[in-house]
Amino acid sequence: MHAFMLFFMILSWNVCGLGSSSKRKAISKYIKDLNVIVCFIIESKLSCSDSIVSSLWHGQNIKWFCIEAQGRSDGLLAMWDDDLFRVDSVEFVGSWISLLGSFIDDAFDCVITGYYGAGSISERAASWMELTELRHAFSDYPWFLIGDFNETLSKADRSSDLLDRRGASKFQAFIDGC
């Protein structure tokens, strides 16, 4: 048996708005410096466009998909270097985008999902049910689930030391179900 390690740079960042050119420059620098292959921008608060994407990622073959912001809130943007990660299909619902694809150099097929959790426990729980169904639908593939869940499992995960036990319980059930 041979042991090997695959390493892929996947970035998820809740930017709380892409309106500032200095923020876009900082994101662009991280993408370049970290050799990012797949990137999810959470809470873009903007309509997506080729010009926004090109201000974030300077590459020859960058592809993207987004869920538009609602007014001046929300918004989820997925970007990837198509020379390094080939996307076969995109699945999405209001709070998440999933990319089914393959890392080209390693022929490693997987699903990568970027997620942004809603403000209310009930809305998050509903989206976690969707994600659980997605996980089971693509159970033949390794799954990377990243993002801002807007929930924690323990007091230690919060700076305020406050914990909503009902929300944490639902979050744990979601994790266990996947």
C-alpha atoms as a PDB file:
ATOM      1  CA  MET A   1       0.000   0.000   0.000  1.00  0.00           C
ATOM      2  CA  HIS A   2       1.319   3.426  -0.929  1.00  0.00           C
ATOM      3  CA  ALA A   3       0.608   6.489   1.161  1.00  0.00           C
ATOM      4  CA  PHE A   4       0.377   9.837  -0.537  1.00  0.00           C
ATOM      5  CA  MET A   5      -0.939  13.268   0.256  1.00  0.00           C
ATOM      6  CA  LEU A   6      -2.899  15.538  -2.033  1.00  0.00           C
ATOM      7  CA  PHE A   7      -2.796  19.258  -1.366  1.00  0.00           C
ATOM      8  CA  PHE A   8      -5.099  21.731  -3.037  1.00  0.00           C
ATOM      9  CA  MET A   9      -5.524  25.351  -2.065  1.00  0.00           C
ATOM     10  CA  ILE A  10      -9.206  26.106  -1.588  1.00  0.00           C
ATOM     11  CA  LEU A  11     -10.091  29.472  -0.069  1.00  0.00           C
ATOM     12  CA  SER A  12     -13.336  30.628   1.502  1.00  0.00           C
ATOM     13  CA  TRP A  13     -13.616  34.191   2.757  1.00  0.00           C
ATOM     14  CA  ASN A  14     -16.538  36.159   4.194  1.00  0.00           C
ATOM     15  CA  VAL A  15     -15.555  39.565   2.888  1.00  0.00           C
ATOM     16  CA  CYS A  16     -18.618  41.526   4.113  1.00  0.00           C
ATOM     17  CA  GLY A  17     -18.772  43.324   0.762  1.00  0.00           C
ATOM     18  CA  LEU A  18     -16.581  43.722  -2.324  1.00  0.00           C
ATOM     19  CA  GLY A  19     -17.346  47.404  -2.874  1.00  0.00           C
ATOM     20  CA  SER A  20     -13.917  48.647  -1.797  1.00  0.00           C
ATOM     21  CA  SER A  21     -11.088  48.473  -4.328  1.00  0.00           C
ATOM     22  CA  SER A  22      -8.589  48.041  -1.464  1.00  0.00           C
ATOM     23  CA  LYS A  23     -10.505  44.962  -0.283  1.00  0.00           C
ATOM     24  CA  ARG A  24     -10.513  43.523  -3.814  1.00  0.00           C
ATOM     25  CA  LYS A  25      -6.731  44.129  -4.025  1.00  0.00           C
ATOM     26  CA  ALA A  26      -6.192  42.327  -0.695  1.00  0.00           C
ATOM     27  CA  ILE A  27      -8.238  39.342  -1.891  1.00  0.00           C
ATOM     28  CA  SER A  28      -6.340  39.299  -5.177  1.00  0.00           C
ATOM     29  CA  LYS A  29      -3.037  39.273  -3.288  1.00  0.00           C
ATOM     30  CA  TYR A  30      -4.141  36.310  -1.135  1.00  0.00           C
ATOM     31  CA  ILE A  31      -5.292  34.357  -4.185  1.00  0.00           C
ATOM     32  CA  LYS A  32      -1.961  34.928  -5.895  1.00  0.00           C
ATOM     33  CA  ASP A  33       0.297  34.442  -2.841  1.00  0.00           C
ATOM     34  CA  LEU A  34      -1.469  31.270  -1.692  1.00  0.00           C
ATOM     35  CA  ASN A  35      -1.714  29.735  -5.192  1.00  0.00           C
ATOM     36  CA  VAL A  36      -5.459  29.327  -4.790  1.00  0.00           C
ATOM     37  CA  ILE A  37      -7.174  26.931  -7.193  1.00  0.00           C
ATOM     38  CA  VAL A  38     -10.799  27.301  -6.009  1.00  0.00           C
ATOM     39  CA  CYS A  39     -12.160  30.315  -4.138  1.00  0.00           C
ATOM     40  CA  PHE A  40     -15.520  31.149  -2.567  1.00  0.00           C
ATOM     41  CA  ILE A  41     -16.289  34.764  -1.716  1.00  0.00           C
ATOM     42  CA  ILE A  42     -19.068  35.019   0.832  1.00  0.00           C
ATOM     43  CA  GLU A  43     -21.236  38.109   1.346  1.00  0.00           C
ATOM     44  CA  SER A  44     -20.061  39.831  -1.823  1.00  0.00           C
ATOM     45  CA  LYS A  45     -22.933  42.336  -1.518  1.00  0.00           C
ATOM     46  CA  LEU A  46     -22.501  43.077  -5.241  1.00  0.00           C
ATOM     47  CA  SER A  47     -23.765  41.853  -8.570  1.00  0.00           C
ATOM     48  CA  CYS A  48     -21.115  39.629 -10.085  1.00  0.00           C
ATOM     49  CA  SER A  49     -19.465  40.393 -13.383  1.00  0.00           C
ATOM     50  CA  ASP A  50     -16.382  39.536 -15.402  1.00  0.00           C
ATOM     51  CA  SER A  51     -14.812  42.824 -14.305  1.00  0.00           C
ATOM     52  CA  ILE A  52     -15.326  42.024 -10.597  1.00  0.00           C
ATOM     53  CA  VAL A  53     -13.861  38.539 -11.081  1.00  0.00           C
ATOM     54  CA  SER A  54     -10.873  39.850 -13.054  1.00  0.00           C
ATOM     55  CA  SER A  55     -10.187  42.418 -10.304  1.00  0.00           C
ATOM     56  CA  LEU A  56      -9.949  39.525  -7.823  1.00  0.00           C
ATOM     57  CA  TRP A  57      -8.143  36.879  -9.855  1.00  0.00           C
ATOM     58  CA  HIS A  58      -5.675  37.657 -12.620  1.00  0.00           C
ATOM     59  CA  GLY A  59      -5.453  34.504 -14.683  1.00  0.00           C
ATOM     60  CA  GLN A  60      -5.932  33.303 -18.198  1.00  0.00           C
ATOM     61  CA  ASN A  61      -8.619  30.729 -17.644  1.00  0.00           C
ATOM     62  CA  ILE A  62     -10.604  31.726 -14.563  1.00  0.00           C
ATOM     63  CA  LYS A  63     -14.212  30.539 -14.494  1.00  0.00           C
ATOM     64  CA  TRP A  64     -16.882  31.644 -12.070  1.00  0.00           C
ATOM     65  CA  PHE A  65     -20.456  31.218 -10.919  1.00  0.00           C
ATOM     66  CA  CYS A  66     -22.404  33.318  -8.462  1.00  0.00           C
ATOM     67  CA  ILE A  67     -25.587  33.654  -6.503  1.00  0.00           C
ATOM     68  CA  GLU A  68     -26.403  37.341  -6.745  1.00  0.00           C
ATOM     69  CA  ALA A  69     -26.639  39.553  -3.694  1.00  0.00           C
ATOM     70  CA  GLN A  70     -30.134  40.465  -2.540  1.00  0.00           C
ATOM     71  CA  GLY A  71     -30.060  44.241  -2.516  1.00  0.00           C
ATOM     72  CA  ARG A  72     -26.947  45.126  -0.542  1.00  0.00           C
ATOM     73  CA  SER A  73     -26.696  41.879   1.412  1.00  0.00           C
ATOM     74  CA  ASP A  74     -25.648  38.284   0.863  1.00  0.00           C
ATOM     75  CA  GLY A  75     -24.104  37.126  -2.404  1.00  0.00           C
ATOM     76  CA  LEU A  76     -21.898  34.091  -2.992  1.00  0.00           C
ATOM     77  CA  LEU A  77     -19.206  33.879  -5.658  1.00  0.00           C
ATOM     78  CA  ALA A  78     -17.335  30.720  -6.696  1.00  0.00           C
ATOM     79  CA  MET A  79     -14.206  31.091  -8.829  1.00  0.00           C
ATOM     80  CA  TRP A  80     -11.738  28.489 -10.061  1.00  0.00           C
ATOM     81  CA  ASP A  81      -8.695  28.133 -12.275  1.00  0.00           C
ATOM     82  CA  ASP A  82     -10.022  25.973 -15.112  1.00  0.00           C
ATOM     83  CA  ASP A  83      -6.478  24.932 -16.035  1.00  0.00           C
ATOM     84  CA  LEU A  84      -6.114  23.268 -12.615  1.00  0.00           C
ATOM     85  CA  PHE A  85      -9.673  22.331 -11.607  1.00  0.00           C
ATOM     86  CA  ARG A  86     -12.130  21.274 -14.302  1.00  0.00           C
ATOM     87  CA  VAL A  87     -15.786  21.705 -13.281  1.00  0.00           C
ATOM     88  CA  ASP A  88     -18.223  19.174 -14.739  1.00  0.00           C
ATOM     89  CA  SER A  89     -21.351  20.546 -13.062  1.00  0.00           C
ATOM     90  CA  VAL A  90     -22.502  23.309 -10.756  1.00  0.00           C
ATOM     91  CA  GLU A  91     -25.298  22.729  -8.250  1.00  0.00           C
ATOM     92  CA  PHE A  92     -26.687  25.595  -6.214  1.00  0.00           C
ATOM     93  CA  VAL A  93     -29.454  26.808  -3.977  1.00  0.00           C
ATOM     94  CA  GLY A  94     -29.752  30.199  -2.275  1.00  0.00           C
ATOM     95  CA  SER A  95     -27.063  29.645   0.368  1.00  0.00           C
ATOM     96  CA  TRP A  96     -24.563  27.354  -1.337  1.00  0.00           C
ATOM     97  CA  ILE A  97     -22.712  26.577  -4.555  1.00  0.00           C
ATOM     98  CA  SER A  98     -21.266  23.113  -5.245  1.00  0.00           C
ATOM     99  CA  LEU A  99     -18.689  22.347  -7.892  1.00  0.00           C
ATOM    100  CA  LEU A 100     -18.358  18.761  -9.077  1.00  0.00           C
ATOM    101  CA  GLY A 101     -15.031  18.497 -10.797  1.00  0.00           C
ATOM    102  CA  SER A 102     -11.499  17.217 -10.936  1.00  0.00           C
ATOM    103  CA  PHE A 103      -8.098  18.552 -10.001  1.00  0.00           C
ATOM    104  CA  ILE A 104      -6.344  18.102 -13.334  1.00  0.00           C
ATOM    105  CA  ASP A 105      -2.787  17.266 -12.215  1.00  0.00           C
ATOM    106  CA  ASP A 106      -3.873  14.507  -9.846  1.00  0.00           C
ATOM    107  CA  ALA A 107      -7.058  13.314 -11.587  1.00  0.00           C
ATOM    108  CA  PHE A 108      -8.749  13.743  -8.211  1.00  0.00           C
ATOM    109  CA  ASP A 109     -12.529  13.968  -8.571  1.00  0.00           C
ATOM    110  CA  CYS A 110     -14.458  15.676  -5.784  1.00  0.00           C
ATOM    111  CA  VAL A 111     -17.281  18.001  -4.828  1.00  0.00           C
ATOM    112  CA  ILE A 112     -16.410  21.391  -3.341  1.00  0.00           C
ATOM    113  CA  THR A 113     -19.217  23.358  -1.711  1.00  0.00           C
ATOM    114  CA  GLY A 114     -19.089  26.960  -0.552  1.00  0.00           C
ATOM    115  CA  TYR A 115     -21.753  27.813   2.024  1.00  0.00           C
ATOM    116  CA  TYR A 116     -23.131  30.927   3.678  1.00  0.00           C
ATOM    117  CA  GLY A 117     -25.429  30.287   6.635  1.00  0.00           C
ATOM    118  CA  ALA A 118     -28.616  32.289   7.024  1.00  0.00           C
ATOM    119  CA  GLY A 119     -29.259  34.452  10.055  1.00  0.00           C
ATOM    120  CA  SER A 120     -32.003  32.343  11.617  1.00  0.00           C
ATOM    121  CA  ILE A 121     -31.656  28.860  13.083  1.00  0.00           C
ATOM    122  CA  SER A 122     -34.649  27.553  11.128  1.00  0.00           C
ATOM    123  CA  GLU A 123     -33.290  28.828   7.787  1.00  0.00           C
ATOM    124  CA  ARG A 124     -29.858  27.350   8.515  1.00  0.00           C
ATOM    125  CA  ALA A 125     -31.430  24.018   9.502  1.00  0.00           C
ATOM    126  CA  ALA A 126     -33.367  23.959   6.202  1.00  0.00           C
ATOM    127  CA  SER A 127     -30.204  24.640   4.197  1.00  0.00           C
ATOM    128  CA  TRP A 128     -28.333  21.944   6.139  1.00  0.00           C
ATOM    129  CA  MET A 129     -31.045  19.475   5.112  1.00  0.00           C
ATOM    130  CA  GLU A 130     -30.418  20.455   1.475  1.00  0.00           C
ATOM    131  CA  LEU A 131     -26.678  19.983   1.951  1.00  0.00           C
ATOM    132  CA  THR A 132     -27.232  16.580   3.566  1.00  0.00           C
ATOM    133  CA  GLU A 133     -29.268  15.530   0.523  1.00  0.00           C
ATOM    134  CA  LEU A 134     -26.510  16.863  -1.744  1.00  0.00           C
ATOM    135  CA  ARG A 135     -23.897  14.887   0.199  1.00  0.00           C
ATOM    136  CA  HIS A 136     -25.861  11.681  -0.197  1.00  0.00           C
ATOM    137  CA  ALA A 137     -26.497  12.360  -3.896  1.00  0.00           C
ATOM    138  CA  PHE A 138     -22.734  12.647  -4.481  1.00  0.00           C
ATOM    139  CA  SER A 139     -21.612  10.073  -1.913  1.00  0.00           C
ATOM    140  CA  ASP A 140     -19.183   8.484  -4.390  1.00  0.00           C
ATOM    141  CA  TYR A 141     -16.998  11.618  -4.254  1.00  0.00           C
ATOM    142  CA  PRO A 142     -14.885  13.187  -1.531  1.00  0.00           C
ATOM    143  CA  TRP A 143     -16.629  16.353  -0.339  1.00  0.00           C
ATOM    144  CA  PHE A 144     -15.071  19.602   0.786  1.00  0.00           C
ATOM    145  CA  LEU A 145     -17.621  21.805   2.570  1.00  0.00           C
ATOM    146  CA  ILE A 146     -16.343  25.243   3.526  1.00  0.00           C
ATOM    147  CA  GLY A 147     -17.782  28.607   4.356  1.00  0.00           C
ATOM    148  CA  ASP A 148     -19.465  30.643   7.044  1.00  0.00           C
ATOM    149  CA  PHE A 149     -21.977  28.488   8.912  1.00  0.00           C
ATOM    150  CA  ASN A 150     -23.111  31.248  11.307  1.00  0.00           C
ATOM    151  CA  GLU A 151     -23.222  28.599  14.034  1.00  0.00           C
ATOM    152  CA  THR A 152     -20.836  27.072  16.547  1.00  0.00           C
ATOM    153  CA  LEU A 153     -20.714  23.805  18.451  1.00  0.00           C
ATOM    154  CA  SER A 154     -19.318  25.059  21.756  1.00  0.00           C
ATOM    155  CA  LYS A 155     -18.819  28.177  23.867  1.00  0.00           C
ATOM    156  CA  ALA A 156     -15.081  27.942  23.239  1.00  0.00           C
ATOM    157  CA  ASP A 157     -15.731  28.689  19.546  1.00  0.00           C
ATOM    158  CA  ARG A 158     -17.272  32.078  20.358  1.00  0.00           C
ATOM    159  CA  SER A 159     -15.626  35.256  21.542  1.00  0.00           C
ATOM    160  CA  SER A 160     -18.765  36.186  23.519  1.00  0.00           C
ATOM    161  CA  ASP A 161     -18.882  32.824  25.350  1.00  0.00           C
ATOM    162  CA  LEU A 162     -22.620  32.659  24.562  1.00  0.00           C
ATOM    163  CA  LEU A 163     -23.999  29.542  22.950  1.00  0.00           C
ATOM    164  CA  ASP A 164     -27.417  28.839  21.493  1.00  0.00           C
ATOM    165  CA  ARG A 165     -27.777  25.196  22.500  1.00  0.00           C
ATOM    166  CA  ARG A 166     -30.659  24.567  20.080  1.00  0.00           C
ATOM    167  CA  GLY A 167     -28.631  25.901  17.144  1.00  0.00           C
ATOM    168  CA  ALA A 168     -25.521  23.989  18.219  1.00  0.00           C
ATOM    169  CA  SER A 169     -27.567  20.796  18.532  1.00  0.00           C
ATOM    170  CA  LYS A 170     -28.987  21.202  15.011  1.00  0.00           C
ATOM    171  CA  PHE A 171     -25.493  21.962  13.682  1.00  0.00           C
ATOM    172  CA  GLN A 172     -24.100  18.804  15.322  1.00  0.00           C
ATOM    173  CA  ALA A 173     -26.953  16.747  13.838  1.00  0.00           C
ATOM    174  CA  PHE A 174     -26.109  18.157  10.410  1.00  0.00           C
ATOM    175  CA  ILE A 175     -22.438  17.243  10.792  1.00  0.00           C
ATOM    176  CA  ASP A 176     -23.324  13.752  11.989  1.00  0.00           C
ATOM    177  CA  GLY A 177     -25.736  13.292   9.061  1.00  0.00           C
ATOM    178  CA  CYS A 178     -23.002  14.014   6.544  1.00  0.00           C
END
